[in-house]
Every structure is written in structure tokens, then in C-alpha cells.
Amino acid sequence: MREDSWIFRLQRGDRSALEEIYKTYRPSFINWIVYTHKCSKDEAIDIYQYSIITLYENVIDKSVEEMNDAGIKTYLFSIGKNKLLSDTRRQSKFTYQDSLDENDLIEVIDSPSSNRGERLRRLEKIIQELGSPCADILKLFYFNNLSTEEIADVLDYKNGNTVKNLKYKCLQRVKKKLNNP
């Protein structure tokens, strides 16, 4: 009854319900994930924050209307576990190169800048500013030479076509920023 009440209250815009959920499950979540998945306490806190936000978004989007027998606690824990496993999988498969190689993305993007070194520095800055998922996709594609199918696997996208479309949109953003300093 209490969990259904929380869901009902969240759907009605009652933020205090979110605070109650947060405070109720935080200690057990953090202890559980640190103990069972051997992550740091800071990482556990970040994952819990992500889980709470995901729960809230799913309730607001009506992806979750009623809790089954598993309840909010199990739902939060499964979100956290999946997030941790996804992050771990992503980190263990590939790491990014530290800097751009002049023969990589700089060749693909036609920039009006005449100084190659300056263009390279601007490009590095722009990619950092893009954030996820653009920076991740571009780095994996151009720096690690992964195919769009491999990137889809690493970043948990449906397929390579999704990555291909995102990559195109990201390149458009990079071009726009290069042309409009």
C-alpha cells in the first residue's frame, strides 16, 4: 500500500514522495551495491542518484504505473545493478586515446581554419564540450576505429544504424561549432 501511495503521489507531482523513497532505500542500496559489486562508496552514491532519477522519470512517463510484488526497492536495485554492469562493461572493453591524431577526425571534417594545429586544438575542445553520447561515439569511431555495430554493443544502442544516425548528427554539431567560433 505504501509503495502504491508513493507512485500515486509522484504521478501527482508530490516531490516529498521522492524524498521519502530516496531516504528509505539509500542506506540499504549503497551497502548492497558496495558489498555485492565491489564498487566504491562514491560510485555507489552516483549509481543510486541515477537509479532514483530513472525511477522518477519512469513514473512521470507512466512507464511504471503500479509496482508489482517486487516493489520499488527491487526496481531501484535492478536499475542500479544494470547501470553498474553497463558502465563496467563499457570501461573494460575499450579506453579512449588521450589525444587526437592529426590523421583522424581532422581529415573528415572540412574546416576553414588554415592552421592545422589550431584546428586540432579547437576540435579537441569541441568534442569535449559535446559530452555524451556524441563525444563517446566520435572517440570510439575515429580514435578507436570501431564499427558502428561495435559501438552499438559498447554503448548499449539497438543497432549500428542508430549509432550511424547519431554520429551523423554529432558531426553536424561539430561542423556547426567549427564554422561558428
N, C-alpha and C. Protein backbone atom coordinates (compact mmCIF):
# COMPACT_ATOMS: atom_id res chain seq x y z
N MET A 1 0.83 -1.19 0.00
CA MET A 1 0.00 0.00 0.00
C MET A 1 0.88 1.26 0.00
N ARG A 2 1.93 1.26 0.79
CA ARG A 2 2.81 2.42 0.90
C ARG A 2 3.49 2.70 -0.44
N GLU A 3 3.94 1.66 -1.13
CA GLU A 3 4.63 1.85 -2.40
C GLU A 3 3.68 2.37 -3.47
N ASP A 4 2.45 1.84 -3.52
CA ASP A 4 1.47 2.36 -4.46
C ASP A 4 1.17 3.82 -4.15
N SER A 5 1.13 4.15 -2.89
CA SER A 5 0.89 5.53 -2.48
C SER A 5 2.01 6.44 -2.97
N TRP A 6 3.26 5.99 -2.85
CA TRP A 6 4.38 6.78 -3.35
C TRP A 6 4.26 7.00 -4.85
N ILE A 7 3.97 5.95 -5.59
CA ILE A 7 3.84 6.06 -7.05
C ILE A 7 2.71 7.04 -7.38
N PHE A 8 1.59 6.89 -6.72
CA PHE A 8 0.44 7.78 -6.93
C PHE A 8 0.84 9.23 -6.65
N ARG A 9 1.52 9.44 -5.54
CA ARG A 9 1.93 10.80 -5.16
C ARG A 9 2.93 11.38 -6.16
N LEU A 10 3.86 10.55 -6.63
CA LEU A 10 4.83 11.03 -7.62
C LEU A 10 4.12 11.44 -8.90
N GLN A 11 3.16 10.65 -9.32
CA GLN A 11 2.41 10.97 -10.53
C GLN A 11 1.63 12.27 -10.39
N ARG A 12 1.28 12.61 -9.18
CA ARG A 12 0.54 13.85 -8.91
C ARG A 12 1.48 15.03 -8.68
N GLY A 13 2.78 14.80 -8.78
CA GLY A 13 3.75 15.89 -8.65
C GLY A 13 4.22 16.16 -7.24
N ASP A 14 4.00 15.23 -6.31
CA ASP A 14 4.41 15.39 -4.93
C ASP A 14 5.88 14.99 -4.78
N ARG A 15 6.75 16.00 -4.73
CA ARG A 15 8.20 15.75 -4.64
C ARG A 15 8.60 15.16 -3.29
N SER A 16 7.78 15.36 -2.26
CA SER A 16 8.12 14.80 -0.95
C SER A 16 8.09 13.27 -1.00
N ALA A 17 7.29 12.70 -1.89
CA ALA A 17 7.27 11.25 -2.05
C ALA A 17 8.62 10.75 -2.55
N LEU A 18 9.23 11.51 -3.46
CA LEU A 18 10.55 11.15 -3.97
C LEU A 18 11.59 11.22 -2.86
N GLU A 19 11.50 12.24 -2.04
CA GLU A 19 12.41 12.37 -0.90
C GLU A 19 12.27 11.19 0.06
N GLU A 20 11.03 10.77 0.31
CA GLU A 20 10.79 9.63 1.21
C GLU A 20 11.39 8.35 0.63
N ILE A 21 11.19 8.14 -0.66
CA ILE A 21 11.77 6.96 -1.32
C ILE A 21 13.29 7.03 -1.22
N TYR A 22 13.83 8.20 -1.53
CA TYR A 22 15.28 8.39 -1.51
C TYR A 22 15.86 8.03 -0.14
N LYS A 23 15.28 8.58 0.91
CA LYS A 23 15.80 8.36 2.27
C LYS A 23 15.57 6.93 2.74
N THR A 24 14.47 6.33 2.33
CA THR A 24 14.15 4.98 2.78
C THR A 24 15.12 3.93 2.25
N TYR A 25 15.47 4.02 0.97
CA TYR A 25 16.25 2.96 0.34
C TYR A 25 17.74 3.26 0.17
N ARG A 26 18.16 4.49 0.38
CA ARG A 26 19.56 4.87 0.16
C ARG A 26 20.55 4.03 0.97
N PRO A 27 20.41 3.93 2.29
CA PRO A 27 21.43 3.17 3.04
C PRO A 27 21.54 1.71 2.60
N SER A 28 20.41 1.04 2.42
CA SER A 28 20.47 -0.38 2.05
C SER A 28 21.00 -0.54 0.62
N PHE A 29 20.66 0.37 -0.27
CA PHE A 29 21.15 0.30 -1.65
C PHE A 29 22.67 0.43 -1.67
N ILE A 30 23.18 1.46 -1.00
CA ILE A 30 24.62 1.70 -1.02
C ILE A 30 25.37 0.54 -0.39
N ASN A 31 24.91 0.06 0.75
CA ASN A 31 25.57 -1.09 1.38
C ASN A 31 25.54 -2.31 0.47
N TRP A 32 24.39 -2.55 -0.14
CA TRP A 32 24.22 -3.73 -1.01
C TRP A 32 25.15 -3.67 -2.21
N ILE A 33 25.17 -2.53 -2.91
CA ILE A 33 25.94 -2.47 -4.15
C ILE A 33 27.45 -2.44 -3.88
N VAL A 34 27.86 -1.81 -2.79
CA VAL A 34 29.28 -1.81 -2.43
C VAL A 34 29.72 -3.23 -2.08
N TYR A 35 28.90 -3.94 -1.32
CA TYR A 35 29.25 -5.29 -0.88
C TYR A 35 29.18 -6.30 -2.02
N THR A 36 28.09 -6.30 -2.79
CA THR A 36 27.91 -7.34 -3.80
C THR A 36 28.68 -7.07 -5.10
N HIS A 37 28.90 -5.80 -5.42
CA HIS A 37 29.53 -5.49 -6.70
C HIS A 37 30.90 -4.84 -6.56
N LYS A 38 31.39 -4.74 -5.34
CA LYS A 38 32.75 -4.27 -5.05
C LYS A 38 33.07 -2.93 -5.70
N CYS A 39 32.12 -2.00 -5.63
CA CYS A 39 32.40 -0.66 -6.14
C CYS A 39 32.67 0.27 -4.96
N SER A 40 33.18 1.44 -5.26
CA SER A 40 33.46 2.40 -4.20
C SER A 40 32.16 3.01 -3.69
N LYS A 41 32.23 3.61 -2.52
CA LYS A 41 31.04 4.24 -1.94
C LYS A 41 30.60 5.43 -2.81
N ASP A 42 31.57 6.21 -3.31
CA ASP A 42 31.22 7.33 -4.18
C ASP A 42 30.51 6.86 -5.44
N GLU A 43 31.02 5.78 -6.02
CA GLU A 43 30.39 5.22 -7.21
C GLU A 43 28.98 4.72 -6.88
N ALA A 44 28.83 4.10 -5.72
CA ALA A 44 27.52 3.61 -5.29
C ALA A 44 26.53 4.76 -5.13
N ILE A 45 26.99 5.87 -4.58
CA ILE A 45 26.12 7.04 -4.41
C ILE A 45 25.70 7.58 -5.77
N ASP A 46 26.63 7.67 -6.71
CA ASP A 46 26.29 8.12 -8.06
C ASP A 46 25.27 7.21 -8.72
N ILE A 47 25.46 5.92 -8.55
CA ILE A 47 24.54 4.96 -9.15
C ILE A 47 23.16 5.07 -8.50
N TYR A 48 23.13 5.30 -7.19
CA TYR A 48 21.84 5.47 -6.52
C TYR A 48 21.13 6.71 -7.04
N GLN A 49 21.87 7.80 -7.22
CA GLN A 49 21.28 9.02 -7.77
C GLN A 49 20.67 8.74 -9.14
N TYR A 50 21.43 8.04 -9.96
CA TYR A 50 20.95 7.68 -11.30
C TYR A 50 19.68 6.83 -11.20
N SER A 51 19.66 5.88 -10.28
CA SER A 51 18.50 4.99 -10.11
C SER A 51 17.26 5.75 -9.68
N ILE A 52 17.43 6.68 -8.77
CA ILE A 52 16.31 7.50 -8.29
C ILE A 52 15.75 8.34 -9.44
N ILE A 53 16.63 8.96 -10.19
CA ILE A 53 16.19 9.79 -11.32
C ILE A 53 15.47 8.95 -12.35
N THR A 54 16.00 7.76 -12.64
CA THR A 54 15.36 6.87 -13.61
C THR A 54 13.99 6.43 -13.12
N LEU A 55 13.89 6.07 -11.84
CA LEU A 55 12.59 5.71 -11.28
C LEU A 55 11.60 6.86 -11.45
N TYR A 56 12.02 8.05 -11.07
CA TYR A 56 11.15 9.23 -11.16
C TYR A 56 10.71 9.47 -12.61
N GLU A 57 11.65 9.44 -13.55
CA GLU A 57 11.31 9.65 -14.96
C GLU A 57 10.35 8.59 -15.46
N ASN A 58 10.55 7.34 -15.05
CA ASN A 58 9.67 6.27 -15.50
C ASN A 58 8.26 6.42 -14.92
N VAL A 59 8.18 6.88 -13.70
CA VAL A 59 6.86 7.11 -13.09
C VAL A 59 6.15 8.27 -13.80
N ILE A 60 6.87 9.35 -14.04
CA ILE A 60 6.29 10.52 -14.71
C ILE A 60 5.89 10.18 -16.14
N ASP A 61 6.71 9.38 -16.84
CA ASP A 61 6.40 8.98 -18.21
C ASP A 61 5.35 7.87 -18.27
N LYS A 62 4.93 7.44 -17.10
CA LYS A 62 3.94 6.38 -16.95
C LYS A 62 4.43 5.03 -17.48
N SER A 63 5.77 4.84 -17.48
CA SER A 63 6.34 3.53 -17.79
C SER A 63 6.11 2.60 -16.61
N VAL A 64 5.96 3.20 -15.42
CA VAL A 64 5.69 2.44 -14.21
C VAL A 64 4.42 3.05 -13.62
N GLU A 65 3.35 2.30 -13.64
CA GLU A 65 2.12 2.82 -13.06
C GLU A 65 1.87 2.19 -11.69
N GLU A 66 2.05 0.92 -11.62
CA GLU A 66 1.87 0.21 -10.35
C GLU A 66 3.09 -0.66 -10.13
N MET A 67 3.42 -0.86 -8.90
CA MET A 67 4.51 -1.76 -8.58
C MET A 67 3.93 -3.15 -8.40
N ASN A 68 4.62 -4.12 -8.96
CA ASN A 68 4.19 -5.49 -8.72
C ASN A 68 4.71 -5.94 -7.36
N ASP A 69 4.71 -7.23 -7.11
CA ASP A 69 5.15 -7.75 -5.81
C ASP A 69 6.59 -7.37 -5.48
N ALA A 70 7.40 -7.14 -6.52
CA ALA A 70 8.80 -6.81 -6.28
C ALA A 70 8.94 -5.45 -5.60
N GLY A 71 8.16 -4.48 -6.01
CA GLY A 71 8.16 -3.19 -5.35
C GLY A 71 9.25 -2.25 -5.78
N ILE A 72 9.22 -1.08 -5.17
CA ILE A 72 10.14 0.00 -5.50
C ILE A 72 11.58 -0.39 -5.19
N LYS A 73 11.80 -1.03 -4.07
CA LYS A 73 13.17 -1.39 -3.68
C LYS A 73 13.82 -2.27 -4.74
N THR A 74 13.14 -3.30 -5.15
CA THR A 74 13.70 -4.20 -6.16
C THR A 74 13.89 -3.47 -7.48
N TYR A 75 12.95 -2.61 -7.81
CA TYR A 75 13.04 -1.83 -9.05
C TYR A 75 14.28 -0.94 -9.02
N LEU A 76 14.49 -0.23 -7.93
CA LEU A 76 15.67 0.63 -7.78
C LEU A 76 16.96 -0.19 -7.85
N PHE A 77 16.98 -1.30 -7.15
CA PHE A 77 18.17 -2.13 -7.12
C PHE A 77 18.50 -2.67 -8.51
N SER A 78 17.48 -3.05 -9.27
CA SER A 78 17.74 -3.59 -10.61
C SER A 78 18.24 -2.49 -11.55
N ILE A 79 17.70 -1.28 -11.41
CA ILE A 79 18.21 -0.16 -12.22
C ILE A 79 19.68 0.07 -11.89
N GLY A 80 20.00 0.11 -10.61
CA GLY A 80 21.39 0.33 -10.19
C GLY A 80 22.33 -0.75 -10.65
N LYS A 81 21.90 -1.98 -10.51
CA LYS A 81 22.74 -3.11 -10.94
C LYS A 81 22.99 -3.04 -12.45
N ASN A 82 21.95 -2.78 -13.22
CA ASN A 82 22.11 -2.69 -14.68
C ASN A 82 23.02 -1.53 -15.07
N LYS A 83 22.90 -0.41 -14.38
CA LYS A 83 23.75 0.75 -14.66
C LYS A 83 25.21 0.42 -14.35
N LEU A 84 25.46 -0.18 -13.21
CA LEU A 84 26.82 -0.55 -12.83
C LEU A 84 27.42 -1.54 -13.83
N LEU A 85 26.66 -2.55 -14.19
CA LEU A 85 27.15 -3.55 -15.13
C LEU A 85 27.41 -2.93 -16.51
N SER A 86 26.54 -2.04 -16.93
CA SER A 86 26.73 -1.36 -18.21
C SER A 86 27.99 -0.51 -18.20
N ASP A 87 28.19 0.26 -17.13
CA ASP A 87 29.39 1.08 -17.00
C ASP A 87 30.65 0.23 -16.96
N THR A 88 30.60 -0.85 -16.21
CA THR A 88 31.75 -1.74 -16.09
C THR A 88 32.09 -2.37 -17.44
N ARG A 89 31.06 -2.82 -18.14
CA ARG A 89 31.25 -3.44 -19.45
C ARG A 89 31.88 -2.43 -20.41
N ARG A 90 31.37 -1.23 -20.40
CA ARG A 90 31.88 -0.18 -21.29
C ARG A 90 33.34 0.13 -20.97
N GLN A 91 33.69 0.24 -19.70
CA GLN A 91 35.05 0.59 -19.31
C GLN A 91 36.03 -0.54 -19.58
N SER A 92 35.58 -1.76 -19.44
CA SER A 92 36.50 -2.87 -19.59
C SER A 92 36.79 -3.20 -21.05
N LYS A 93 35.86 -2.85 -21.95
CA LYS A 93 36.06 -3.19 -23.34
C LYS A 93 37.05 -2.27 -24.04
N PHE A 94 36.87 -0.96 -23.83
CA PHE A 94 37.67 0.00 -24.58
C PHE A 94 38.02 1.21 -23.72
N THR A 95 39.18 1.76 -23.99
CA THR A 95 39.52 3.04 -23.38
C THR A 95 39.86 3.99 -24.52
N TYR A 96 39.63 5.25 -24.32
CA TYR A 96 39.88 6.24 -25.34
C TYR A 96 41.35 6.62 -25.38
N GLN A 97 41.81 6.98 -26.58
CA GLN A 97 43.14 7.52 -26.69
C GLN A 97 43.13 8.90 -26.02
N ASP A 98 44.29 9.32 -25.55
CA ASP A 98 44.35 10.57 -24.82
C ASP A 98 44.19 11.81 -25.69
N SER A 99 44.64 11.76 -26.92
CA SER A 99 44.54 12.97 -27.75
C SER A 99 44.23 12.60 -29.19
N LEU A 100 43.90 13.61 -29.94
CA LEU A 100 43.59 13.40 -31.35
C LEU A 100 44.86 13.14 -32.14
N ASP A 101 44.76 12.27 -33.11
CA ASP A 101 45.82 12.08 -34.07
C ASP A 101 45.47 12.97 -35.25
N GLU A 102 46.42 13.66 -35.81
CA GLU A 102 46.12 14.60 -36.88
C GLU A 102 45.51 13.95 -38.10
N ASN A 103 45.65 12.64 -38.25
CA ASN A 103 45.09 11.96 -39.41
C ASN A 103 43.68 11.45 -39.18
N ASP A 104 43.12 11.66 -38.01
CA ASP A 104 41.80 11.13 -37.69
C ASP A 104 40.68 12.08 -38.09
N LEU A 105 39.92 12.50 -37.14
CA LEU A 105 38.72 13.28 -37.38
C LEU A 105 39.00 14.58 -38.13
N ILE A 106 40.17 15.12 -37.94
CA ILE A 106 40.52 16.39 -38.59
C ILE A 106 40.44 16.25 -40.11
N GLU A 107 40.72 15.06 -40.65
CA GLU A 107 40.65 14.82 -42.08
C GLU A 107 39.19 14.74 -42.56
N VAL A 108 38.33 14.27 -41.71
CA VAL A 108 36.94 14.04 -42.07
C VAL A 108 36.16 15.34 -42.12
N ILE A 109 36.46 16.25 -41.21
CA ILE A 109 35.70 17.50 -41.10
C ILE A 109 36.42 18.60 -41.85
N ASP A 110 35.73 19.20 -42.79
CA ASP A 110 36.31 20.28 -43.58
C ASP A 110 36.18 21.59 -42.83
N SER A 111 37.28 22.07 -42.32
CA SER A 111 37.27 23.31 -41.55
C SER A 111 37.95 24.42 -42.34
N PRO A 112 37.39 25.63 -42.26
CA PRO A 112 38.00 26.75 -42.99
C PRO A 112 39.31 27.24 -42.36
N SER A 113 39.63 26.78 -41.15
CA SER A 113 40.84 27.23 -40.47
C SER A 113 42.08 26.78 -41.25
N SER A 114 43.07 27.65 -41.36
CA SER A 114 44.25 27.32 -42.15
C SER A 114 45.34 26.65 -41.32
N ASN A 115 45.39 26.89 -40.03
CA ASN A 115 46.42 26.34 -39.17
C ASN A 115 45.97 24.98 -38.64
N ARG A 116 46.66 23.92 -39.04
CA ARG A 116 46.27 22.56 -38.67
C ARG A 116 46.33 22.34 -37.15
N GLY A 117 47.35 22.86 -36.47
CA GLY A 117 47.48 22.72 -35.02
C GLY A 117 46.34 23.42 -34.29
N GLU A 118 46.01 24.61 -34.77
CA GLU A 118 44.90 25.36 -34.17
C GLU A 118 43.58 24.61 -34.38
N ARG A 119 43.40 24.08 -35.58
CA ARG A 119 42.19 23.30 -35.90
C ARG A 119 42.08 22.09 -34.98
N LEU A 120 43.19 21.44 -34.75
CA LEU A 120 43.22 20.25 -33.89
C LEU A 120 42.82 20.60 -32.46
N ARG A 121 43.38 21.69 -31.92
CA ARG A 121 43.03 22.12 -30.56
C ARG A 121 41.55 22.49 -30.45
N ARG A 122 41.05 23.23 -31.44
CA ARG A 122 39.63 23.59 -31.44
C ARG A 122 38.75 22.35 -31.50
N LEU A 123 39.14 21.39 -32.31
CA LEU A 123 38.37 20.16 -32.47
C LEU A 123 38.34 19.36 -31.17
N GLU A 124 39.48 19.26 -30.50
CA GLU A 124 39.53 18.57 -29.21
C GLU A 124 38.59 19.23 -28.20
N LYS A 125 38.62 20.57 -28.17
CA LYS A 125 37.77 21.31 -27.24
C LYS A 125 36.29 21.10 -27.56
N ILE A 126 35.95 21.15 -28.83
CA ILE A 126 34.55 20.97 -29.25
C ILE A 126 34.05 19.59 -28.87
N ILE A 127 34.84 18.58 -29.10
CA ILE A 127 34.43 17.20 -28.77
C ILE A 127 34.21 17.06 -27.27
N GLN A 128 35.08 17.66 -26.47
CA GLN A 128 34.89 17.60 -25.02
C GLN A 128 33.60 18.30 -24.60
N GLU A 129 33.30 19.42 -25.25
CA GLU A 129 32.09 20.18 -24.92
C GLU A 129 30.81 19.44 -25.31
N LEU A 130 30.89 18.59 -26.32
CA LEU A 130 29.70 17.86 -26.78
C LEU A 130 29.12 16.96 -25.70
N GLY A 131 30.00 16.34 -24.93
CA GLY A 131 29.54 15.42 -23.90
C GLY A 131 28.98 14.15 -24.50
N SER A 132 28.34 13.35 -23.65
CA SER A 132 27.76 12.08 -24.11
C SER A 132 26.43 12.35 -24.78
N PRO A 133 26.05 11.58 -25.74
CA PRO A 133 26.75 10.44 -26.33
C PRO A 133 27.70 10.83 -27.47
N CYS A 134 27.63 12.08 -27.93
CA CYS A 134 28.43 12.47 -29.10
C CYS A 134 29.92 12.23 -28.92
N ALA A 135 30.47 12.72 -27.82
CA ALA A 135 31.91 12.57 -27.60
C ALA A 135 32.30 11.09 -27.57
N ASP A 136 31.48 10.28 -26.92
CA ASP A 136 31.78 8.85 -26.84
C ASP A 136 31.76 8.20 -28.22
N ILE A 137 30.73 8.50 -28.99
CA ILE A 137 30.60 7.90 -30.32
C ILE A 137 31.74 8.32 -31.23
N LEU A 138 32.04 9.62 -31.26
CA LEU A 138 33.11 10.10 -32.14
C LEU A 138 34.47 9.54 -31.74
N LYS A 139 34.74 9.49 -30.44
CA LYS A 139 36.01 8.94 -29.98
C LYS A 139 36.14 7.46 -30.35
N LEU A 140 35.09 6.69 -30.12
CA LEU A 140 35.15 5.27 -30.43
C LEU A 140 35.28 5.03 -31.94
N PHE A 141 34.58 5.82 -32.73
CA PHE A 141 34.61 5.63 -34.17
C PHE A 141 35.93 6.07 -34.78
N TYR A 142 36.36 7.31 -34.46
CA TYR A 142 37.54 7.86 -35.11
C TYR A 142 38.85 7.52 -34.42
N PHE A 143 38.85 7.39 -33.10
CA PHE A 143 40.09 7.16 -32.39
C PHE A 143 40.37 5.68 -32.17
N ASN A 144 39.31 4.93 -31.91
CA ASN A 144 39.48 3.50 -31.66
C ASN A 144 39.14 2.64 -32.87
N ASN A 145 38.72 3.29 -33.95
CA ASN A 145 38.42 2.62 -35.21
C ASN A 145 37.40 1.49 -35.07
N LEU A 146 36.38 1.73 -34.24
CA LEU A 146 35.33 0.73 -34.08
C LEU A 146 34.26 0.96 -35.13
N SER A 147 33.62 -0.12 -35.54
CA SER A 147 32.49 -0.01 -36.47
C SER A 147 31.27 0.48 -35.71
N THR A 148 30.26 0.91 -36.45
CA THR A 148 29.04 1.38 -35.78
C THR A 148 28.37 0.23 -35.03
N GLU A 149 28.49 -1.00 -35.52
CA GLU A 149 27.92 -2.16 -34.82
C GLU A 149 28.65 -2.39 -33.49
N GLU A 150 29.97 -2.26 -33.50
CA GLU A 150 30.75 -2.43 -32.27
C GLU A 150 30.41 -1.34 -31.26
N ILE A 151 30.25 -0.12 -31.75
CA ILE A 151 29.90 0.99 -30.86
C ILE A 151 28.52 0.76 -30.26
N ALA A 152 27.58 0.26 -31.07
CA ALA A 152 26.24 -0.04 -30.56
C ALA A 152 26.32 -1.04 -29.42
N ASP A 153 27.20 -2.02 -29.55
CA ASP A 153 27.37 -3.02 -28.49
C ASP A 153 27.98 -2.40 -27.24
N VAL A 154 29.01 -1.58 -27.41
CA VAL A 154 29.70 -0.97 -26.28
C VAL A 154 28.79 0.01 -25.53
N LEU A 155 28.05 0.83 -26.28
CA LEU A 155 27.24 1.87 -25.66
C LEU A 155 25.78 1.46 -25.47
N ASP A 156 25.49 0.20 -25.70
CA ASP A 156 24.14 -0.35 -25.50
C ASP A 156 23.06 0.32 -26.35
N TYR A 157 23.35 0.53 -27.63
CA TYR A 157 22.33 1.01 -28.55
C TYR A 157 21.72 -0.19 -29.27
N LYS A 158 20.56 0.04 -29.87
CA LYS A 158 19.81 -1.05 -30.50
C LYS A 158 20.62 -1.71 -31.62
N ASN A 159 21.22 -0.89 -32.50
CA ASN A 159 22.00 -1.44 -33.60
C ASN A 159 22.93 -0.38 -34.17
N GLY A 160 23.70 -0.77 -35.17
CA GLY A 160 24.66 0.13 -35.79
C GLY A 160 24.02 1.30 -36.51
N ASN A 161 22.80 1.11 -37.02
CA ASN A 161 22.12 2.21 -37.71
C ASN A 161 21.82 3.36 -36.76
N THR A 162 21.46 3.02 -35.54
CA THR A 162 21.21 4.05 -34.54
C THR A 162 22.48 4.86 -34.31
N VAL A 163 23.59 4.17 -34.16
CA VAL A 163 24.88 4.84 -33.95
C VAL A 163 25.24 5.67 -35.18
N LYS A 164 24.99 5.13 -36.37
CA LYS A 164 25.30 5.85 -37.61
C LYS A 164 24.53 7.17 -37.68
N ASN A 165 23.25 7.13 -37.33
CA ASN A 165 22.43 8.36 -37.33
C ASN A 165 22.92 9.35 -36.28
N LEU A 166 23.23 8.85 -35.07
CA LEU A 166 23.74 9.73 -34.02
C LEU A 166 25.08 10.33 -34.43
N LYS A 167 25.93 9.53 -35.02
CA LYS A 167 27.25 10.01 -35.45
C LYS A 167 27.10 11.13 -36.48
N TYR A 168 26.19 10.96 -37.40
CA TYR A 168 25.93 12.00 -38.40
C TYR A 168 25.49 13.30 -37.73
N LYS A 169 24.55 13.20 -36.80
CA LYS A 169 24.06 14.38 -36.09
C LYS A 169 25.18 15.04 -35.27
N CYS A 170 26.01 14.22 -34.67
CA CYS A 170 27.12 14.74 -33.89
C CYS A 170 28.12 15.47 -34.77
N LEU A 171 28.41 14.90 -35.94
CA LEU A 171 29.32 15.55 -36.87
C LEU A 171 28.76 16.89 -37.35
N GLN A 172 27.45 16.95 -37.54
CA GLN A 172 26.82 18.21 -37.92
C GLN A 172 27.02 19.26 -36.83
N ARG A 173 26.90 18.83 -35.57
CA ARG A 173 27.12 19.75 -34.45
C ARG A 173 28.57 20.23 -34.43
N VAL A 174 29.51 19.31 -34.68
CA VAL A 174 30.93 19.68 -34.69
C VAL A 174 31.19 20.68 -35.82
N LYS A 175 30.66 20.40 -36.99
CA LYS A 175 30.86 21.31 -38.12
C LYS A 175 30.29 22.69 -37.83
N LYS A 176 29.12 22.72 -37.24
CA LYS A 176 28.48 23.99 -36.91
C LYS A 176 29.35 24.79 -35.92
N LYS A 177 29.88 24.10 -34.92
CA LYS A 177 30.73 24.78 -33.93
C LYS A 177 32.06 25.23 -34.55
N LEU A 178 32.59 24.44 -35.47
CA LEU A 178 33.84 24.83 -36.14
C LEU A 178 33.64 26.07 -37.01
N ASN A 179 32.48 26.14 -37.63
CA ASN A 179 32.20 27.26 -38.54
C ASN A 179 31.72 28.51 -37.81
N ASN A 180 31.27 28.35 -36.56
CA ASN A 180 30.78 29.48 -35.76
C ASN A 180 31.53 29.55 -34.43
N PRO A 181 32.75 30.06 -34.44
CA PRO A 181 33.53 30.06 -33.20
C PRO A 181 32.99 30.92 -32.12
